Amino acid sequence: MKLLHADKNHIEFVFRNLISNAIKFNSFNTNVEIRSTENAGTILFSIKDHGKGIGKEQQEKFLTSKMDVNYGTNGEKGTGLGLLLTKDFIKANQGKIWIESEEGNGTTFCFSLPKSKQLS
């Protein structure tokens, strides 16, 4: 059996933060989608909302630093600190994280983490 190779506390934080953000930015009466798939040596996770989306400029900021403060569907304020920590935790666990988004069509945060070696 192959297991995920990652720090449990880090990954719990990542899921809590990304799911919380997806709920915050999701459009009313739509679902947040959470998926996982196995690839050679990694497990890929995605968390998708159906909200207003993230523009290209903000996506680029996410890749290089942190995103600007933004507001959720009900005016909830965010600081971007959770996403900064999420990015750091994924990197600390030898993973990768990226955004797939289009303004007006929601956002999907994707991340991959290595599988551990097969147990005997």
N, C-alpha and C. Protein backbone atom coordinates (compact mmCIF):
# COMPACT_ATOMS: atom_id res chain seq x y z
N MET A 1 0.86 -1.18 0.00
CA MET A 1 0.00 0.00 0.00
C MET A 1 0.90 1.24 0.00
N LYS A 2 0.59 2.22 -0.84
CA LYS A 2 1.35 3.46 -0.88
C LYS A 2 0.63 4.52 -0.07
N LEU A 3 1.40 5.24 0.70
CA LEU A 3 0.86 6.29 1.54
C LEU A 3 1.47 7.63 1.16
N LEU A 4 0.80 8.66 1.53
CA LEU A 4 1.29 10.01 1.30
C LEU A 4 2.47 10.27 2.22
N HIS A 5 3.51 10.89 1.68
CA HIS A 5 4.69 11.24 2.48
C HIS A 5 4.63 12.74 2.78
N ALA A 6 4.13 13.10 3.98
CA ALA A 6 4.00 14.51 4.34
C ALA A 6 3.77 14.65 5.84
N ASP A 7 4.03 15.84 6.35
CA ASP A 7 3.76 16.16 7.75
C ASP A 7 2.26 16.32 7.94
N LYS A 8 1.70 15.53 8.83
CA LYS A 8 0.24 15.51 9.04
C LYS A 8 -0.30 16.89 9.41
N ASN A 9 0.36 17.60 10.32
CA ASN A 9 -0.13 18.91 10.75
C ASN A 9 -0.10 19.92 9.61
N HIS A 10 0.94 19.87 8.81
CA HIS A 10 1.03 20.77 7.67
C HIS A 10 -0.12 20.54 6.70
N ILE A 11 -0.35 19.27 6.38
CA ILE A 11 -1.36 18.95 5.37
C ILE A 11 -2.77 19.22 5.90
N GLU A 12 -3.00 18.98 7.17
CA GLU A 12 -4.31 19.34 7.74
C GLU A 12 -4.54 20.85 7.62
N PHE A 13 -3.52 21.64 7.89
CA PHE A 13 -3.64 23.10 7.74
C PHE A 13 -3.95 23.46 6.29
N VAL A 14 -3.22 22.86 5.36
CA VAL A 14 -3.41 23.15 3.93
C VAL A 14 -4.86 22.88 3.54
N PHE A 15 -5.39 21.72 3.90
CA PHE A 15 -6.77 21.40 3.54
C PHE A 15 -7.76 22.36 4.21
N ARG A 16 -7.57 22.63 5.50
CA ARG A 16 -8.48 23.56 6.20
C ARG A 16 -8.48 24.92 5.53
N ASN A 17 -7.29 25.43 5.21
CA ASN A 17 -7.19 26.75 4.61
C ASN A 17 -7.81 26.80 3.22
N LEU A 18 -7.46 25.85 2.36
CA LEU A 18 -7.97 25.88 0.99
C LEU A 18 -9.47 25.62 0.93
N ILE A 19 -9.98 24.73 1.77
CA ILE A 19 -11.42 24.49 1.79
C ILE A 19 -12.15 25.70 2.35
N SER A 20 -11.62 26.30 3.42
CA SER A 20 -12.23 27.50 3.99
C SER A 20 -12.28 28.62 2.96
N ASN A 21 -11.18 28.82 2.22
CA ASN A 21 -11.15 29.85 1.18
C ASN A 21 -12.15 29.53 0.07
N ALA A 22 -12.23 28.27 -0.33
CA ALA A 22 -13.17 27.90 -1.38
C ALA A 22 -14.61 28.19 -0.96
N ILE A 23 -14.93 27.92 0.29
CA ILE A 23 -16.27 28.22 0.80
C ILE A 23 -16.48 29.73 0.83
N LYS A 24 -15.47 30.47 1.28
CA LYS A 24 -15.58 31.92 1.38
C LYS A 24 -15.81 32.58 0.02
N PHE A 25 -15.16 32.07 -1.02
CA PHE A 25 -15.24 32.70 -2.34
C PHE A 25 -16.21 32.02 -3.29
N ASN A 26 -16.87 30.96 -2.85
CA ASN A 26 -17.80 30.23 -3.70
C ASN A 26 -19.08 31.02 -3.93
N SER A 27 -19.67 30.85 -5.08
CA SER A 27 -20.97 31.47 -5.36
C SER A 27 -22.04 30.76 -4.55
N PHE A 28 -23.14 31.46 -4.29
CA PHE A 28 -24.24 30.88 -3.53
C PHE A 28 -24.83 29.68 -4.27
N ASN A 29 -25.27 28.68 -3.52
CA ASN A 29 -25.94 27.49 -4.04
C ASN A 29 -25.09 26.70 -5.02
N THR A 30 -23.78 26.71 -4.85
CA THR A 30 -22.90 25.85 -5.64
C THR A 30 -22.01 25.06 -4.69
N ASN A 31 -21.46 23.97 -5.18
CA ASN A 31 -20.64 23.10 -4.36
C ASN A 31 -19.16 23.42 -4.50
N VAL A 32 -18.42 23.13 -3.46
CA VAL A 32 -16.97 23.12 -3.51
C VAL A 32 -16.59 21.69 -3.87
N GLU A 33 -15.71 21.54 -4.87
CA GLU A 33 -15.30 20.21 -5.33
C GLU A 33 -13.90 19.89 -4.81
N ILE A 34 -13.75 18.71 -4.21
CA ILE A 34 -12.47 18.25 -3.69
C ILE A 34 -12.17 16.91 -4.37
N ARG A 35 -11.02 16.84 -5.00
CA ARG A 35 -10.65 15.63 -5.74
C ARG A 35 -9.21 15.24 -5.44
N SER A 36 -8.93 13.95 -5.63
CA SER A 36 -7.55 13.47 -5.56
C SER A 36 -7.36 12.39 -6.61
N THR A 37 -6.16 12.36 -7.18
CA THR A 37 -5.80 11.32 -8.14
C THR A 37 -4.35 10.93 -7.88
N GLU A 38 -4.05 9.68 -8.21
CA GLU A 38 -2.68 9.20 -8.07
C GLU A 38 -1.98 9.24 -9.41
N ASN A 39 -0.76 9.73 -9.39
CA ASN A 39 0.12 9.71 -10.55
C ASN A 39 1.36 8.92 -10.15
N ALA A 40 2.25 8.72 -11.07
CA ALA A 40 3.49 8.02 -10.77
C ALA A 40 4.29 8.79 -9.72
N GLY A 41 4.33 8.28 -8.52
CA GLY A 41 5.13 8.88 -7.46
C GLY A 41 4.50 10.03 -6.69
N THR A 42 3.34 10.51 -7.14
CA THR A 42 2.68 11.63 -6.44
C THR A 42 1.18 11.41 -6.32
N ILE A 43 0.60 12.17 -5.43
CA ILE A 43 -0.85 12.26 -5.32
C ILE A 43 -1.22 13.71 -5.58
N LEU A 44 -2.15 13.91 -6.48
CA LEU A 44 -2.60 15.24 -6.88
C LEU A 44 -3.94 15.54 -6.22
N PHE A 45 -4.04 16.69 -5.58
CA PHE A 45 -5.26 17.14 -4.93
C PHE A 45 -5.74 18.42 -5.61
N SER A 46 -7.05 18.61 -5.68
CA SER A 46 -7.60 19.86 -6.20
C SER A 46 -8.82 20.26 -5.38
N ILE A 47 -8.94 21.55 -5.14
CA ILE A 47 -10.07 22.13 -4.40
C ILE A 47 -10.59 23.27 -5.25
N LYS A 48 -11.82 23.13 -5.71
CA LYS A 48 -12.40 24.06 -6.68
C LYS A 48 -13.64 24.75 -6.13
N ASP A 49 -13.67 26.07 -6.33
CA ASP A 49 -14.89 26.83 -6.03
C ASP A 49 -15.46 27.35 -7.34
N HIS A 50 -16.67 27.87 -7.26
CA HIS A 50 -17.36 28.41 -8.44
C HIS A 50 -17.64 29.89 -8.23
N GLY A 51 -16.64 30.58 -7.69
CA GLY A 51 -16.79 32.00 -7.38
C GLY A 51 -16.31 32.91 -8.48
N LYS A 52 -15.84 34.09 -8.06
CA LYS A 52 -15.48 35.13 -9.02
C LYS A 52 -14.15 34.91 -9.71
N GLY A 53 -13.35 33.99 -9.25
CA GLY A 53 -12.08 33.69 -9.89
C GLY A 53 -10.97 34.64 -9.46
N ILE A 54 -9.77 34.33 -9.92
CA ILE A 54 -8.58 35.12 -9.58
C ILE A 54 -7.93 35.54 -10.89
N GLY A 55 -7.69 36.84 -11.03
CA GLY A 55 -7.06 37.37 -12.24
C GLY A 55 -5.61 36.93 -12.39
N LYS A 56 -5.09 37.06 -13.59
CA LYS A 56 -3.71 36.64 -13.90
C LYS A 56 -2.68 37.35 -13.03
N GLU A 57 -2.88 38.65 -12.79
CA GLU A 57 -1.93 39.41 -11.97
C GLU A 57 -1.84 38.83 -10.55
N GLN A 58 -3.00 38.53 -9.96
CA GLN A 58 -3.01 37.96 -8.61
C GLN A 58 -2.41 36.56 -8.60
N GLN A 59 -2.65 35.79 -9.66
CA GLN A 59 -2.06 34.46 -9.75
C GLN A 59 -0.54 34.54 -9.77
N GLU A 60 -0.02 35.50 -10.52
CA GLU A 60 1.43 35.68 -10.58
C GLU A 60 1.99 36.11 -9.23
N LYS A 61 1.26 36.96 -8.51
CA LYS A 61 1.70 37.37 -7.16
C LYS A 61 1.75 36.16 -6.24
N PHE A 62 0.78 35.27 -6.37
CA PHE A 62 0.76 34.07 -5.53
C PHE A 62 2.02 33.24 -5.76
N LEU A 63 2.44 33.13 -7.00
CA LEU A 63 3.61 32.32 -7.31
C LEU A 63 4.91 32.93 -6.80
N THR A 64 4.95 34.26 -6.65
CA THR A 64 6.19 34.91 -6.25
C THR A 64 6.19 35.41 -4.81
N SER A 65 5.04 35.75 -4.27
CA SER A 65 5.00 36.26 -2.89
C SER A 65 3.67 35.90 -2.27
N LYS A 66 2.89 36.88 -1.89
CA LYS A 66 1.56 36.61 -1.36
C LYS A 66 0.55 37.44 -2.13
N MET A 67 -0.68 37.01 -2.04
CA MET A 67 -1.74 37.71 -2.75
C MET A 67 -2.21 38.91 -1.94
N ASP A 68 -2.84 39.85 -2.62
CA ASP A 68 -3.41 41.02 -1.95
C ASP A 68 -4.61 40.61 -1.12
N VAL A 69 -4.97 41.45 -0.15
CA VAL A 69 -6.18 41.24 0.63
C VAL A 69 -7.37 41.26 -0.31
N ASN A 70 -8.29 40.33 -0.10
CA ASN A 70 -9.46 40.24 -0.95
C ASN A 70 -10.67 39.96 -0.08
N TYR A 71 -11.84 40.04 -0.66
CA TYR A 71 -13.08 39.85 0.09
C TYR A 71 -13.88 38.72 -0.49
N GLY A 72 -14.49 37.92 0.40
CA GLY A 72 -15.30 36.79 0.00
C GLY A 72 -16.66 37.20 -0.50
N THR A 73 -17.47 36.20 -0.80
CA THR A 73 -18.82 36.42 -1.33
C THR A 73 -19.68 37.27 -0.40
N ASN A 74 -19.52 37.08 0.91
CA ASN A 74 -20.29 37.85 1.88
C ASN A 74 -19.49 38.99 2.49
N GLY A 75 -18.42 39.43 1.82
CA GLY A 75 -17.62 40.54 2.31
C GLY A 75 -16.59 40.15 3.36
N GLU A 76 -16.34 38.83 3.56
CA GLU A 76 -15.35 38.40 4.53
C GLU A 76 -13.97 38.86 4.06
N LYS A 77 -13.18 39.38 4.99
CA LYS A 77 -11.86 39.89 4.65
C LYS A 77 -10.82 38.79 4.83
N GLY A 78 -9.90 38.72 3.89
CA GLY A 78 -8.79 37.78 3.98
C GLY A 78 -7.48 38.55 3.96
N THR A 79 -6.44 37.98 4.58
CA THR A 79 -5.15 38.65 4.64
C THR A 79 -4.12 38.06 3.68
N GLY A 80 -4.37 36.85 3.19
CA GLY A 80 -3.40 36.17 2.34
C GLY A 80 -2.38 35.37 3.14
N LEU A 81 -2.37 35.51 4.47
CA LEU A 81 -1.41 34.79 5.31
C LEU A 81 -1.61 33.28 5.21
N GLY A 82 -2.86 32.84 5.18
CA GLY A 82 -3.15 31.40 5.08
C GLY A 82 -2.59 30.81 3.80
N LEU A 83 -2.72 31.54 2.69
CA LEU A 83 -2.17 31.04 1.42
C LEU A 83 -0.65 31.03 1.43
N LEU A 84 -0.06 32.01 2.09
CA LEU A 84 1.40 32.05 2.19
C LEU A 84 1.90 30.83 2.97
N LEU A 85 1.26 30.54 4.10
CA LEU A 85 1.64 29.35 4.89
C LEU A 85 1.37 28.07 4.11
N THR A 86 0.24 28.03 3.41
CA THR A 86 -0.09 26.85 2.60
C THR A 86 1.02 26.58 1.60
N LYS A 87 1.44 27.61 0.90
CA LYS A 87 2.51 27.48 -0.08
C LYS A 87 3.80 26.98 0.58
N ASP A 88 4.15 27.55 1.73
CA ASP A 88 5.36 27.14 2.44
C ASP A 88 5.27 25.68 2.92
N PHE A 89 4.11 25.27 3.42
CA PHE A 89 3.94 23.90 3.90
C PHE A 89 4.02 22.89 2.76
N ILE A 90 3.44 23.22 1.63
CA ILE A 90 3.53 22.31 0.48
C ILE A 90 4.99 22.17 0.05
N LYS A 91 5.69 23.28 -0.04
CA LYS A 91 7.10 23.26 -0.43
C LYS A 91 7.94 22.48 0.58
N ALA A 92 7.67 22.67 1.88
CA ALA A 92 8.42 21.97 2.93
C ALA A 92 8.23 20.45 2.85
N ASN A 93 7.15 20.02 2.23
CA ASN A 93 6.86 18.59 2.09
C ASN A 93 7.17 18.08 0.68
N GLN A 94 8.05 18.78 -0.01
CA GLN A 94 8.51 18.43 -1.36
C GLN A 94 7.37 18.35 -2.38
N GLY A 95 6.37 19.20 -2.18
CA GLY A 95 5.24 19.23 -3.10
C GLY A 95 5.26 20.45 -3.99
N LYS A 96 4.26 20.54 -4.84
CA LYS A 96 4.08 21.68 -5.73
C LYS A 96 2.65 22.17 -5.59
N ILE A 97 2.45 23.47 -5.76
CA ILE A 97 1.11 24.05 -5.68
C ILE A 97 0.95 25.07 -6.81
N TRP A 98 -0.25 25.12 -7.38
CA TRP A 98 -0.53 26.07 -8.45
C TRP A 98 -2.02 26.38 -8.47
N ILE A 99 -2.35 27.42 -9.24
CA ILE A 99 -3.73 27.90 -9.35
C ILE A 99 -4.19 27.73 -10.79
N GLU A 100 -5.43 27.28 -10.94
CA GLU A 100 -6.10 27.28 -12.24
C GLU A 100 -7.35 28.13 -12.04
N SER A 101 -7.39 29.29 -12.68
CA SER A 101 -8.50 30.20 -12.47
C SER A 101 -8.69 31.12 -13.66
N GLU A 102 -9.92 31.54 -13.79
CA GLU A 102 -10.32 32.50 -14.81
C GLU A 102 -11.33 33.42 -14.14
N GLU A 103 -11.14 34.72 -14.32
CA GLU A 103 -12.08 35.65 -13.69
C GLU A 103 -13.50 35.33 -14.13
N GLY A 104 -14.40 35.24 -13.15
CA GLY A 104 -15.80 34.94 -13.41
C GLY A 104 -16.12 33.46 -13.47
N ASN A 105 -15.10 32.58 -13.45
CA ASN A 105 -15.34 31.13 -13.57
C ASN A 105 -14.77 30.31 -12.43
N GLY A 106 -14.55 30.90 -11.29
CA GLY A 106 -14.08 30.14 -10.14
C GLY A 106 -12.59 29.89 -10.15
N THR A 107 -12.14 29.21 -9.11
CA THR A 107 -10.72 28.95 -8.89
C THR A 107 -10.52 27.51 -8.43
N THR A 108 -9.48 26.90 -8.94
CA THR A 108 -9.05 25.59 -8.46
C THR A 108 -7.62 25.72 -7.95
N PHE A 109 -7.43 25.39 -6.68
CA PHE A 109 -6.09 25.28 -6.13
C PHE A 109 -5.69 23.82 -6.24
N CYS A 110 -4.57 23.56 -6.89
CA CYS A 110 -4.06 22.21 -7.06
C CYS A 110 -2.73 22.08 -6.35
N PHE A 111 -2.49 20.91 -5.77
CA PHE A 111 -1.18 20.65 -5.21
C PHE A 111 -0.89 19.16 -5.30
N SER A 112 0.39 18.86 -5.43
CA SER A 112 0.81 17.47 -5.48
C SER A 112 1.83 17.22 -4.38
N LEU A 113 1.79 16.02 -3.86
CA LEU A 113 2.73 15.61 -2.79
C LEU A 113 3.26 14.23 -3.14
N PRO A 114 4.49 13.94 -2.74
CA PRO A 114 5.07 12.64 -3.06
C PRO A 114 4.42 11.51 -2.25
N LYS A 115 4.35 10.35 -2.88
CA LYS A 115 3.94 9.15 -2.17
C LYS A 115 5.14 8.64 -1.37
N SER A 116 4.86 7.97 -0.28
CA SER A 116 5.97 7.33 0.44
C SER A 116 6.30 6.03 -0.26
N LYS A 117 7.43 5.47 0.09
CA LYS A 117 7.82 4.19 -0.52
C LYS A 117 6.86 3.11 -0.05
N GLN A 118 6.67 2.11 -0.87
CA GLN A 118 5.74 1.03 -0.56
C GLN A 118 6.18 0.30 0.69
N LEU A 119 5.21 0.01 1.57
CA LEU A 119 5.50 -0.70 2.81
C LEU A 119 5.61 -2.19 2.53
N SER A 120 6.51 -2.85 3.25
CA SER A 120 6.68 -4.29 3.07
C SER A 120 5.63 -5.06 3.81
